[in-house]
Amino acid sequence: MEPTDWLLTATERGNPAVRLDARRGEAAWSRGNDVRPLVHGAVYFSELLAALRAQRPGDLCLFTDWRGDPDERLDGEGTEIARILGDAARRGVIVKGLIWRSHLDRFRFSATENRHLGTEIEAAGGECLLDMRVRPGGSHHQKYVVLRHPGRPERDVAFVGCTDLCHSRRDDAAHHGDPQALPIADAYGPHPPWHDIQLAVRGPAVGDIEACFRERWDDPAPLTRSPFTRIRQLAHHEDTDAAPLPPQLPDPPPCGTQTVQVLRTYPRRLVHGYDFAPDGERSIARGYLKALRRARALIYLEDQYLWSTHVVRWFAAALAANPRLRLIAVVPSYPEQDGRLSLPMNLVGRIAALDQLRAAGGDRVAVYGLENHAGTPVYVHAKVCVIDDVWAAVGSDNVNLRSWTHDSELCCAVVDETVDERHPYDPGGLGDGARRFARELRLTLAREHLDLGPAGDDHGPDPLCDPEGVFRAFAASAEALDAWHAGGRRGSRPPGRLRAYRTPELHRAVAALSTPAYRLLVDPDGRPLGLRRRNAY
């Protein structure tokens, strides 16, 4: 197997202006990385806290965020994110942040929180840009932190994935929720259980992720097009010019066996276009399409949305073309918000996508929600895809049209050079074998959802390695738990956290709205179709 079998070449990225590949002599990925999944926000926050506290004067901390809450604790009292980043800046760490300058808070976005986080960090000597350099209706959705250490490259790390530095994210495997919670739909309770994931990346790929930050930081376009915001900035003497970053250090040396490709989404910005993506970039969509064309045995998804027939049709095409191919998806059981506006769009988008998948794959498609042991639904915020235990992707992007065309997104596609020898099964049957990172990531997630402990090396091959085996295990676990609920929760609760995701009741709830006329008027991603410029990927 060659990386080009699964990963995009520089030409296939479709963005000739990108600086990411040019910095490697047109190599579109980096080899020799060590990538570890940090499942759950509490695990990520604890590791991030230790890494930030270990930084010295002259070290570099770069971060992007969709929403940032200054008082969110990374690990208990005194570890508020604004305080930790401020302490780093005060002791001489160069702290730079790019935070989305969001829409109005009355739409339940996060302008106020982001402004406060930036203000606190700048008061300590750091610098944060409130960045609205997006397409109308879009957002900067990237979520990563890059830590560099001049003279100590072995400490360099990038944290990349799905987890914002904000309320509700600090949950763990027990899924009791973050004590500092954001209100979402009533079904999730006052402290919504939250399922999330971040990657800890070490090795040359850290330089690629830093290069992505520098492209955005150096964007010469105004931070906002709003004349009212710009007048307010002038009135308050706000600095809107980014200070130059220090020169980029050489990439950290190789330290592992994973090949990492950094994939992005950038829209085609009609005014003040991105100089590093003048026609936009769709490498996330293109990366998925290339991997899906190679899928033969199992697509494993965890996704916050799984919306949009425009995107899901590529998964459906893979299912239709390969009669052995199965798809397991783990999604939120309920939309994030109650209310007239969010409910129909969320449900219409999800129903249409699942109808398309089931039409292509029939009983080879299985979709589940999660609950904790108290029976409270778990909100799935993770964005993970594993194909045939070879190709794995974790990032900020959801399986929806916004993430593939309109918002700024960043994810890492990972292909391990090491074949997993514990089980001889080659899932795809193409001679690629099963690769250690992708398989261990999928098994870690599956075993948590099934309430199984870590597999020990002395127990022989894990039966969950077999795509048919894990498909049956998920179905049996969900069936037992659903039956226990249907029987009034009498007797001992069966192990597992999986609940079958069914749509008949949802069809009834939106029957009056899920007509062809309604679908023409409303984009399942939440924007009127008339305002959406179609972008090919």
Protein backbone atom coordinates (compact mmCIF):
# COMPACT_ATOMS: atom_id res chain seq x y z
CA MET A 1 0.00 0.00 0.00
CA GLU A 2 1.18 3.50 -0.87
CA PRO A 3 -0.05 6.68 0.86
CA THR A 4 -1.47 7.80 -2.49
CA ASP A 5 -3.91 4.89 -2.30
CA TRP A 6 -5.74 6.63 0.55
CA LEU A 7 -4.42 10.20 0.83
CA LEU A 8 -4.69 13.15 -1.57
CA THR A 9 -1.79 14.12 -3.76
CA ALA A 10 -0.92 17.81 -3.92
CA THR A 11 -2.82 18.05 -7.21
CA GLU A 12 -5.85 16.25 -5.81
CA ARG A 13 -6.08 18.80 -2.98
CA GLY A 14 -7.46 21.17 -5.62
CA ASN A 15 -5.91 24.36 -4.25
CA PRO A 16 -2.79 25.41 -6.19
CA ALA A 17 -2.25 28.39 -3.88
CA VAL A 18 -1.93 26.31 -0.72
CA ARG A 19 1.35 26.80 1.14
CA LEU A 20 0.95 23.62 3.13
CA ASP A 21 2.21 21.24 0.44
CA ALA A 22 4.81 23.62 -1.01
CA ARG A 23 6.66 23.71 2.30
CA ARG A 24 7.45 19.99 1.80
CA GLY A 25 8.41 20.21 -1.85
CA GLU A 26 4.84 19.34 -2.91
CA ALA A 27 4.59 16.37 -0.52
CA ALA A 28 0.98 16.41 0.61
CA TRP A 29 1.53 14.64 3.97
CA SER A 30 4.19 14.02 6.59
CA ARG A 31 5.56 10.68 7.79
CA GLY A 32 6.97 9.66 11.15
CA ASN A 33 4.34 11.15 13.47
CA ASP A 34 3.00 9.95 16.81
CA VAL A 35 -0.77 10.51 17.03
CA ARG A 36 -2.81 9.64 20.12
CA PRO A 37 -6.58 9.98 20.45
CA LEU A 38 -7.71 11.85 23.57
CA VAL A 39 -11.25 10.58 24.01
CA HIS A 40 -13.38 12.94 26.16
CA GLY A 41 -12.88 16.60 26.92
CA ALA A 42 -11.63 15.97 30.46
CA VAL A 43 -8.76 13.83 29.14
CA TYR A 44 -7.82 16.47 26.55
CA PHE A 45 -8.12 19.37 28.98
CA SER A 46 -5.91 17.65 31.55
CA GLU A 47 -3.17 17.02 28.99
CA LEU A 48 -3.48 20.53 27.56
CA LEU A 49 -3.18 22.01 31.06
CA ALA A 50 0.03 20.10 31.78
CA ALA A 51 1.53 21.09 28.43
CA LEU A 52 0.68 24.79 28.89
CA ARG A 53 2.08 24.89 32.41
CA ALA A 54 5.35 23.37 31.15
CA GLN A 55 5.94 26.15 28.62
CA ARG A 56 8.81 28.57 29.25
CA PRO A 57 9.57 32.15 28.17
CA GLY A 58 10.03 32.31 24.41
CA ASP A 59 7.86 29.24 23.74
CA LEU A 60 4.91 29.62 21.38
CA CYS A 61 1.20 28.91 21.98
CA LEU A 62 -1.13 29.25 18.99
CA PHE A 63 -4.82 28.37 19.14
CA THR A 64 -8.01 28.65 17.13
CA ASP A 65 -11.51 28.33 18.53
CA TRP A 66 -15.15 28.54 17.54
CA ARG A 67 -16.30 29.41 21.03
CA GLY A 68 -14.18 30.20 24.06
CA ASP A 69 -15.44 30.65 27.62
CA PRO A 70 -12.80 32.35 29.80
CA ASP A 71 -14.00 30.68 33.01
CA GLU A 72 -14.07 27.10 31.65
CA ARG A 73 -11.91 25.00 33.96
CA LEU A 74 -9.43 22.61 32.47
CA ASP A 75 -9.15 20.65 35.74
CA GLY A 76 -10.80 22.18 38.79
CA GLU A 77 -10.53 25.47 40.68
CA GLY A 78 -7.77 27.78 39.48
CA THR A 79 -7.46 26.22 36.01
CA GLU A 80 -9.78 28.54 34.10
CA ILE A 81 -8.63 28.67 30.47
CA ALA A 82 -8.22 32.47 30.43
CA ARG A 83 -6.16 32.30 33.62
CA ILE A 84 -3.91 29.50 32.32
CA LEU A 85 -3.30 31.24 28.98
CA GLY A 86 -2.83 34.55 30.77
CA ASP A 87 -0.29 33.02 33.18
CA ALA A 88 1.61 31.66 30.17
CA ALA A 89 1.68 35.08 28.53
CA ARG A 90 2.81 36.78 31.76
CA ARG A 91 5.80 34.46 32.10
CA GLY A 92 6.92 35.20 28.54
CA VAL A 93 5.19 32.58 26.38
CA ILE A 94 4.10 34.04 23.03
CA VAL A 95 0.32 33.47 23.07
CA LYS A 96 -1.67 34.11 19.88
CA GLY A 97 -5.30 33.21 19.31
CA LEU A 98 -7.80 33.28 16.44
CA ILE A 99 -11.37 33.23 17.73
CA TRP A 100 -14.47 33.45 15.57
CA ARG A 101 -16.17 36.82 15.92
CA SER A 102 -19.60 35.29 15.88
CA HIS A 103 -23.10 36.37 15.04
CA LEU A 104 -25.45 37.98 17.55
CA ASP A 105 -25.81 36.20 20.88
CA ARG A 106 -29.58 36.27 20.58
CA PHE A 107 -29.07 33.47 18.03
CA ARG A 108 -27.24 31.54 20.79
CA PHE A 109 -23.81 31.94 19.27
CA SER A 110 -20.83 33.09 21.25
CA ALA A 111 -19.74 36.65 20.47
CA THR A 112 -19.75 37.80 24.10
CA GLU A 113 -17.81 34.80 25.41
CA ASN A 114 -15.21 35.06 22.66
CA ARG A 115 -14.74 38.77 23.22
CA HIS A 116 -14.18 38.25 26.96
CA LEU A 117 -11.66 35.44 26.43
CA GLY A 118 -9.68 37.58 23.99
CA THR A 119 -9.81 40.57 26.31
CA GLU A 120 -8.46 38.63 29.29
CA ILE A 121 -5.61 37.10 27.31
CA GLU A 122 -4.60 40.45 25.81
CA ALA A 123 -4.62 42.05 29.27
CA ALA A 124 -1.95 39.50 30.24
CA GLY A 125 0.23 40.27 27.20
CA GLY A 126 -1.07 37.79 24.64
CA GLU A 127 -2.89 38.64 21.43
CA CYS A 128 -6.24 37.38 20.16
CA LEU A 129 -7.93 38.31 16.91
CA LEU A 130 -11.71 38.16 16.78
CA ASP A 131 -11.89 36.82 13.27
CA MET A 132 -14.92 37.30 11.03
CA ARG A 133 -13.09 36.73 7.74
CA VAL A 134 -15.67 34.20 6.55
CA ARG A 135 -18.40 33.91 3.95
CA PRO A 136 -21.76 35.46 4.92
CA GLY A 137 -23.56 32.97 7.15
CA GLY A 138 -20.36 30.98 7.76
CA SER A 139 -18.10 30.53 10.73
CA HIS A 140 -14.51 29.80 11.68
CA HIS A 141 -15.05 26.35 13.11
CA GLN A 142 -11.44 25.13 13.51
CA LYS A 143 -10.39 23.93 16.98
CA TYR A 144 -6.69 23.29 17.55
CA VAL A 145 -3.77 24.32 19.74
CA VAL A 146 -0.11 24.31 18.65
CA LEU A 147 2.66 24.43 21.25
CA ARG A 148 6.26 24.97 20.07
CA HIS A 149 9.42 24.98 22.21
CA PRO A 150 12.63 26.46 20.73
CA GLY A 151 15.51 24.15 21.59
CA ARG A 152 13.13 21.47 22.90
CA PRO A 153 11.40 20.07 19.79
CA GLU A 154 10.63 16.81 21.59
CA ARG A 155 7.97 18.77 23.53
CA ASP A 156 6.27 20.18 20.42
CA VAL A 157 2.64 19.09 20.13
CA ALA A 158 -0.55 20.02 18.31
CA PHE A 159 -3.99 19.22 19.72
CA VAL A 160 -6.45 18.89 16.81
CA GLY A 161 -10.06 17.83 16.76
CA CYS A 162 -13.60 18.59 17.82
CA THR A 163 -13.30 20.12 21.28
CA ASP A 164 -13.79 23.84 21.94
CA LEU A 165 -12.29 25.60 24.95
CA CYS A 166 -15.71 26.25 26.40
CA HIS A 167 -18.48 25.12 28.69
CA SER A 168 -19.99 21.60 28.50
CA ARG A 169 -16.85 20.03 27.02
CA ARG A 170 -15.15 18.77 30.21
CA ASP A 171 -16.84 15.39 30.49
CA ASP A 172 -15.28 11.94 30.92
CA ALA A 173 -16.11 8.29 30.25
CA ALA A 174 -18.80 8.21 32.97
CA HIS A 175 -20.68 10.94 31.07
CA HIS A 176 -22.12 12.83 34.01
CA GLY A 177 -21.58 16.09 32.12
CA ASP A 178 -19.48 19.20 32.68
CA PRO A 179 -20.35 21.07 35.90
CA GLN A 180 -19.98 24.24 33.79
CA ALA A 181 -22.76 23.49 31.32
CA LEU A 182 -24.32 25.24 28.37
CA PRO A 183 -28.10 24.85 28.07
CA ILE A 184 -29.16 22.63 25.18
CA ALA A 185 -32.32 20.57 24.58
CA ASP A 186 -34.22 19.58 27.73
CA ALA A 187 -33.74 15.86 27.00
CA TYR A 188 -30.06 16.16 27.96
CA GLY A 189 -30.75 17.59 31.42
CA PRO A 190 -29.05 20.46 33.26
CA HIS A 191 -25.52 19.04 32.77
CA PRO A 192 -25.59 17.46 29.31
CA PRO A 193 -23.40 14.37 28.99
CA TRP A 194 -20.94 15.16 26.20
CA HIS A 195 -18.95 12.84 23.93
CA ASP A 196 -15.94 14.44 22.23
CA ILE A 197 -12.44 13.67 20.97
CA GLN A 198 -9.16 15.46 20.25
CA LEU A 199 -5.87 14.22 18.80
CA ALA A 200 -2.44 14.82 20.33
CA VAL A 201 -0.07 15.04 17.35
CA ARG A 202 3.71 14.95 17.68
CA GLY A 203 6.29 14.93 14.90
CA PRO A 204 6.60 16.77 11.57
CA ALA A 205 2.83 17.23 11.22
CA VAL A 206 3.01 19.83 14.02
CA GLY A 207 4.75 22.10 11.50
CA ASP A 208 1.94 21.59 8.99
CA ILE A 209 -0.71 22.52 11.54
CA GLU A 210 1.28 25.58 12.60
CA ALA A 211 1.54 26.60 8.93
CA CYS A 212 -2.28 26.53 8.73
CA PHE A 213 -2.48 28.91 11.68
CA ARG A 214 0.04 31.25 10.09
CA GLU A 215 -1.96 31.38 6.84
CA ARG A 216 -5.00 32.65 8.73
CA TRP A 217 -3.02 34.95 11.01
CA ASP A 218 -1.31 36.64 8.07
CA ASP A 219 -4.54 37.04 6.04
CA PRO A 220 -4.44 40.74 4.99
CA ALA A 221 -8.24 41.08 4.77
CA PRO A 222 -10.04 43.19 7.40
CA LEU A 223 -11.07 41.15 10.43
CA THR A 224 -14.70 42.13 9.80
CA ARG A 225 -16.69 43.69 6.97
CA SER A 226 -19.26 45.20 9.33
CA PRO A 227 -19.04 49.02 9.28
CA PHE A 228 -20.64 49.19 12.73
CA THR A 229 -18.01 46.89 14.23
CA ARG A 230 -15.20 48.83 12.58
CA ILE A 231 -16.56 52.15 13.88
CA ARG A 232 -16.77 50.68 17.38
CA GLN A 233 -13.19 49.42 17.09
CA LEU A 234 -12.01 52.89 16.15
CA ALA A 235 -14.01 54.49 18.98
CA HIS A 236 -12.49 52.11 21.54
CA HIS A 237 -9.00 52.30 19.98
CA GLU A 238 -9.00 48.55 19.41
CA ASP A 239 -5.94 47.23 17.61
CA THR A 240 -7.08 45.43 14.45
CA ASP A 241 -3.62 44.78 12.99
CA ALA A 242 -1.99 41.47 13.87
CA ALA A 243 1.55 41.64 15.22
CA PRO A 244 4.01 39.55 13.19
CA LEU A 245 4.64 36.02 14.38
CA PRO A 246 8.22 34.92 15.01
CA PRO A 247 9.75 32.87 12.18
CA GLN A 248 8.53 29.31 12.06
CA LEU A 249 10.88 26.78 13.61
CA PRO A 250 12.00 23.69 11.70
CA ASP A 251 9.51 20.87 11.95
CA PRO A 252 9.92 18.52 14.92
CA PRO A 253 11.84 15.36 14.04
CA PRO A 254 10.06 12.06 13.25
CA CYS A 255 8.96 10.19 16.36
CA GLY A 256 6.35 7.62 15.31
CA THR A 257 4.81 5.52 12.58
CA GLN A 258 1.78 7.56 11.49
CA THR A 259 1.46 9.39 8.19
CA VAL A 260 -0.66 12.51 8.70
CA GLN A 261 -2.41 14.61 6.06
CA VAL A 262 -3.87 17.95 7.16
CA LEU A 263 -7.17 18.58 5.36
CA ARG A 264 -9.14 21.81 5.37
CA THR A 265 -12.29 23.54 4.20
CA TYR A 266 -12.25 27.17 3.18
CA PRO A 267 -15.06 28.83 1.24
CA ARG A 268 -14.54 30.93 -1.86
CA ARG A 269 -14.70 34.36 -0.26
CA LEU A 270 -16.10 36.77 -2.79
CA VAL A 271 -14.62 39.94 -1.22
CA HIS A 272 -11.03 39.96 0.07
CA GLY A 273 -10.55 36.30 -0.84
CA TYR A 274 -8.04 34.13 1.01
CA ASP A 275 -4.66 34.50 -0.70
CA PHE A 276 -3.85 30.92 0.36
CA ALA A 277 -7.19 29.64 -1.06
CA PRO A 278 -8.51 32.19 -3.58
CA ASP A 279 -11.07 29.71 -4.93
CA GLY A 280 -11.58 28.08 -1.55
CA GLU A 281 -10.35 24.65 -0.51
CA ARG A 282 -12.37 21.43 -0.30
CA SER A 283 -9.65 18.98 0.72
CA ILE A 284 -11.78 17.57 3.56
CA ALA A 285 -14.53 16.67 1.09
CA ARG A 286 -12.00 15.42 -1.46
CA GLY A 287 -10.17 13.39 1.17
CA TYR A 288 -13.40 11.69 2.25
CA LEU A 289 -14.41 10.99 -1.35
CA LYS A 290 -11.08 9.31 -2.12
CA ALA A 291 -11.23 7.15 1.00
CA LEU A 292 -14.89 6.24 0.45
CA ARG A 293 -14.13 4.98 -3.05
CA ARG A 294 -11.73 2.48 -1.45
CA ALA A 295 -14.13 1.37 1.31
CA ARG A 296 -15.01 -2.33 1.16
CA ALA A 297 -15.89 -3.62 4.64
CA LEU A 298 -16.75 -1.01 7.32
CA ILE A 299 -17.35 2.72 7.62
CA TYR A 300 -17.46 3.75 11.28
CA LEU A 301 -18.79 7.27 11.93
CA GLU A 302 -19.32 9.40 15.00
CA ASP A 303 -20.88 12.70 14.01
CA GLN A 304 -22.78 15.58 15.54
CA TYR A 305 -25.06 16.07 12.55
CA LEU A 306 -24.96 13.55 9.67
CA TRP A 307 -27.09 15.90 7.61
CA SER A 308 -27.44 16.86 3.95
CA THR A 309 -28.19 14.54 1.07
CA HIS A 310 -25.57 16.44 -0.94
CA VAL A 311 -22.87 15.00 1.31
CA VAL A 312 -24.38 11.67 2.34
CA ARG A 313 -24.83 10.60 -1.29
CA TRP A 314 -21.11 9.73 -1.41
CA PHE A 315 -21.50 7.35 1.53
CA ALA A 316 -24.60 5.94 -0.15
CA ALA A 317 -22.70 5.44 -3.40
CA ALA A 318 -20.02 3.45 -1.57
CA LEU A 319 -22.68 1.25 0.04
CA ALA A 320 -24.42 0.66 -3.27
CA ALA A 321 -21.18 -0.23 -5.04
CA ASN A 322 -19.93 -2.72 -2.42
CA PRO A 323 -22.40 -5.34 -1.16
CA ARG A 324 -20.07 -6.34 1.74
CA LEU A 325 -19.74 -2.78 3.00
CA ARG A 326 -21.40 -1.88 6.31
CA LEU A 327 -21.88 1.50 7.96
CA ILE A 328 -22.15 2.16 11.71
CA ALA A 329 -23.01 5.72 12.75
CA VAL A 330 -23.21 7.14 16.28
CA VAL A 331 -25.14 10.43 16.44
CA PRO A 332 -27.02 12.54 19.02
CA SER A 333 -30.39 11.05 19.89
CA TYR A 334 -32.05 14.48 19.89
CA PRO A 335 -31.33 17.83 18.22
CA GLU A 336 -29.16 20.21 20.21
CA GLN A 337 -31.89 22.80 20.70
CA ASP A 338 -35.61 22.72 21.30
CA GLY A 339 -37.74 25.22 19.47
CA ARG A 340 -39.59 26.03 16.28
CA LEU A 341 -36.59 26.93 14.14
CA SER A 342 -34.05 24.25 15.05
CA LEU A 343 -36.42 21.29 15.34
CA PRO A 344 -37.73 21.04 11.77
CA MET A 345 -34.41 21.75 10.07
CA ASN A 346 -32.50 19.29 12.23
CA LEU A 347 -35.02 16.52 11.82
CA VAL A 348 -35.65 17.04 8.12
CA GLY A 349 -31.93 17.01 7.43
CA ARG A 350 -31.26 13.90 9.50
CA ILE A 351 -34.29 12.02 8.14
CA ALA A 352 -33.40 12.77 4.53
CA ALA A 353 -29.80 11.65 5.05
CA LEU A 354 -30.74 8.40 6.78
CA ASP A 355 -33.39 7.62 4.18
CA GLN A 356 -30.72 7.93 1.50
CA LEU A 357 -28.24 5.72 3.36
CA ARG A 358 -30.82 3.03 4.12
CA ALA A 359 -32.05 3.03 0.54
CA ALA A 360 -28.50 2.26 -0.60
CA GLY A 361 -27.41 -0.13 2.16
CA GLY A 362 -30.57 -1.55 3.71
CA ASP A 363 -29.82 -3.54 6.85
CA ARG A 364 -26.09 -2.92 6.33
CA VAL A 365 -26.67 0.57 7.79
CA ALA A 366 -26.97 0.88 11.58
CA VAL A 367 -27.42 4.17 13.42
CA TYR A 368 -27.25 4.61 17.19
CA GLY A 369 -27.55 7.20 19.91
CA LEU A 370 -25.79 7.02 23.28
CA GLU A 371 -26.96 7.26 26.90
CA ASN A 372 -25.16 7.18 30.23
CA HIS A 373 -25.93 4.61 32.92
CA ALA A 374 -28.59 6.88 34.40
CA GLY A 375 -30.47 6.78 31.10
CA THR A 376 -29.71 10.38 30.11
CA PRO A 377 -28.89 10.80 26.41
CA VAL A 378 -25.27 11.68 25.63
CA TYR A 379 -24.75 14.54 23.19
CA VAL A 380 -22.39 13.29 20.48
CA HIS A 381 -20.15 16.18 19.44
CA ALA A 382 -17.34 13.98 18.05
CA LYS A 383 -16.39 14.08 14.37
CA VAL A 384 -14.66 10.77 13.61
CA CYS A 385 -14.53 8.51 10.58
CA VAL A 386 -12.66 5.20 10.32
CA ILE A 387 -12.74 3.28 7.02
CA ASP A 388 -11.69 -0.38 6.83
CA ASP A 389 -9.43 0.11 9.88
CA VAL A 390 -6.90 1.82 7.60
CA TRP A 391 -7.89 5.48 7.10
CA ALA A 392 -8.99 7.55 10.09
CA ALA A 393 -10.01 11.20 10.22
CA VAL A 394 -10.63 13.37 13.28
CA GLY A 395 -11.27 17.09 13.09
CA SER A 396 -13.67 19.98 13.44
CA ASP A 397 -15.73 19.00 10.39
CA ASN A 398 -19.13 17.35 10.52
CA VAL A 399 -20.77 15.25 7.84
CA ASN A 400 -22.79 18.15 6.47
CA LEU A 401 -22.64 20.72 3.71
CA ARG A 402 -21.40 23.58 5.87
CA SER A 403 -18.29 21.64 6.88
CA TRP A 404 -17.57 20.50 3.32
CA THR A 405 -18.06 23.84 1.56
CA HIS A 406 -18.84 26.90 3.68
CA ASP A 407 -17.17 27.08 7.10
CA SER A 408 -13.44 26.98 7.85
CA GLU A 409 -12.54 23.50 9.11
CA LEU A 410 -9.40 21.48 9.81
CA CYS A 411 -8.92 17.76 10.35
CA CYS A 412 -6.14 15.18 10.28
CA ALA A 413 -6.36 12.06 8.13
CA VAL A 414 -4.10 9.38 9.62
CA VAL A 415 -2.74 6.22 8.00
CA ASP A 416 -0.40 4.15 10.17
CA GLU A 417 2.60 2.44 8.58
CA THR A 418 2.26 -0.35 11.16
CA VAL A 419 -0.09 -3.23 10.34
CA ASP A 420 -2.12 -4.58 13.28
CA GLU A 421 -0.94 -8.20 13.60
CA ARG A 422 -3.32 -9.20 16.41
CA HIS A 423 -6.00 -10.26 13.96
CA PRO A 424 -5.26 -11.61 10.48
CA TYR A 425 -8.42 -10.20 8.95
CA ASP A 426 -7.84 -7.68 6.15
CA PRO A 427 -11.10 -5.70 6.30
CA GLY A 428 -11.02 -4.22 2.83
CA GLY A 429 -9.60 -7.25 1.07
CA LEU A 430 -7.31 -5.00 -0.98
CA GLY A 431 -4.07 -6.12 0.63
CA ASP A 432 -3.83 -3.00 2.83
CA GLY A 433 -4.15 -4.87 6.10
CA ALA A 434 -5.60 -3.19 9.18
CA ARG A 435 -3.46 -0.34 10.46
CA ARG A 436 -2.79 0.03 14.15
CA PHE A 437 -3.93 3.63 14.70
CA ALA A 438 -7.25 3.34 12.86
CA ARG A 439 -8.10 -0.02 14.39
CA GLU A 440 -7.20 0.98 17.96
CA LEU A 441 -9.19 4.21 17.64
CA ARG A 442 -12.28 2.33 16.48
CA LEU A 443 -11.91 -0.39 19.10
CA THR A 444 -11.43 2.16 21.90
CA LEU A 445 -14.68 3.90 20.96
CA ALA A 446 -16.57 0.65 20.38
CA ARG A 447 -15.52 -0.89 23.68
CA GLU A 448 -16.62 2.18 25.61
CA HIS A 449 -20.05 2.17 23.95
CA LEU A 450 -20.41 -1.55 24.68
CA ASP A 451 -19.23 -1.19 28.31
CA LEU A 452 -16.26 -3.45 27.69
CA GLY A 453 -12.89 -2.92 29.35
CA PRO A 454 -9.67 -2.54 27.39
CA ALA A 455 -8.68 -5.67 25.51
CA GLY A 456 -5.60 -7.34 26.99
CA ASP A 457 -2.86 -8.78 24.79
CA ASP A 458 -3.23 -12.16 26.53
CA HIS A 459 -6.82 -12.64 25.39
CA GLY A 460 -6.03 -13.28 21.75
CA PRO A 461 -7.61 -11.49 18.80
CA ASP A 462 -10.40 -9.06 19.65
CA PRO A 463 -13.65 -10.26 18.02
CA LEU A 464 -14.56 -6.61 17.45
CA CYS A 465 -11.76 -6.45 14.87
CA ASP A 466 -14.08 -8.27 12.46
CA PRO A 467 -16.49 -5.76 10.84
CA GLU A 468 -19.29 -8.31 10.93
CA GLY A 469 -18.53 -9.03 14.57
CA VAL A 470 -18.68 -5.41 15.70
CA PHE A 471 -21.82 -4.83 13.63
CA ARG A 472 -23.54 -7.73 15.43
CA ALA A 473 -22.20 -6.64 18.84
CA PHE A 474 -23.61 -3.13 18.46
CA ALA A 475 -26.97 -4.46 17.32
CA ALA A 476 -27.24 -6.97 20.18
CA SER A 477 -26.25 -4.41 22.81
CA ALA A 478 -28.74 -1.81 21.59
CA GLU A 479 -31.51 -4.41 21.29
CA ALA A 480 -31.01 -5.53 24.89
CA LEU A 481 -30.96 -1.98 26.25
CA ASP A 482 -33.98 -0.92 24.20
CA ALA A 483 -35.89 -3.97 25.46
CA TRP A 484 -34.98 -3.13 29.07
CA HIS A 485 -36.35 0.39 28.63
CA ALA A 486 -39.48 -0.90 26.89
CA GLY A 487 -40.06 -3.29 29.80
CA GLY A 488 -40.11 -0.48 32.34
CA ARG A 489 -36.46 -0.80 33.38
CA ARG A 490 -37.18 -3.83 35.53
CA GLY A 491 -34.23 -5.93 36.66
CA SER A 492 -30.58 -5.21 36.14
CA ARG A 493 -29.68 -2.75 33.43
CA PRO A 494 -27.93 -4.53 30.54
CA PRO A 495 -24.35 -3.41 29.83
CA GLY A 496 -23.83 -0.93 27.05
CA ARG A 497 -24.76 2.63 26.18
CA LEU A 498 -26.16 2.20 22.66
CA ARG A 499 -29.77 2.93 21.73
CA ALA A 500 -31.09 2.26 18.24
CA TYR A 501 -31.80 5.51 16.41
CA ARG A 502 -35.26 5.19 14.88
CA THR A 503 -37.08 7.75 12.77
CA PRO A 504 -40.79 6.83 12.46
CA GLU A 505 -41.79 9.16 15.30
CA LEU A 506 -39.62 11.87 13.83
CA HIS A 507 -41.34 11.44 10.47
CA ARG A 508 -44.66 12.07 12.17
CA ALA A 509 -43.31 15.11 14.02
CA VAL A 510 -42.28 16.85 10.81
CA ALA A 511 -44.71 15.30 8.33
CA ALA A 512 -46.22 18.69 7.53
CA LEU A 513 -42.81 20.20 6.91
CA SER A 514 -40.83 17.46 5.20
CA THR A 515 -42.50 18.02 1.84
CA PRO A 516 -40.57 18.61 -1.39
CA ALA A 517 -41.62 22.28 -1.27
CA TYR A 518 -40.26 22.68 2.26
CA ARG A 519 -36.98 21.00 1.38
CA LEU A 520 -36.57 23.41 -1.53
CA LEU A 521 -36.92 26.35 0.85
CA VAL A 522 -34.76 25.18 3.73
CA ASP A 523 -31.23 23.80 3.61
CA PRO A 524 -30.83 21.04 6.25
CA ASP A 525 -27.64 22.83 7.31
CA GLY A 526 -29.73 25.76 8.45
CA ARG A 527 -29.37 28.28 5.63
CA PRO A 528 -31.94 29.19 2.95
CA LEU A 529 -30.94 27.62 -0.35
CA GLY A 530 -31.21 30.98 -2.08
CA LEU A 531 -28.32 32.31 0.04
CA ARG A 532 -26.07 29.32 -0.59
CA ARG A 533 -23.53 29.41 -3.39
CA ARG A 534 -23.01 25.84 -4.56
CA ASN A 535 -19.37 24.84 -4.43
CA ALA A 536 -18.03 21.82 -6.28
CA TYR A 537 -15.63 19.53 -4.46
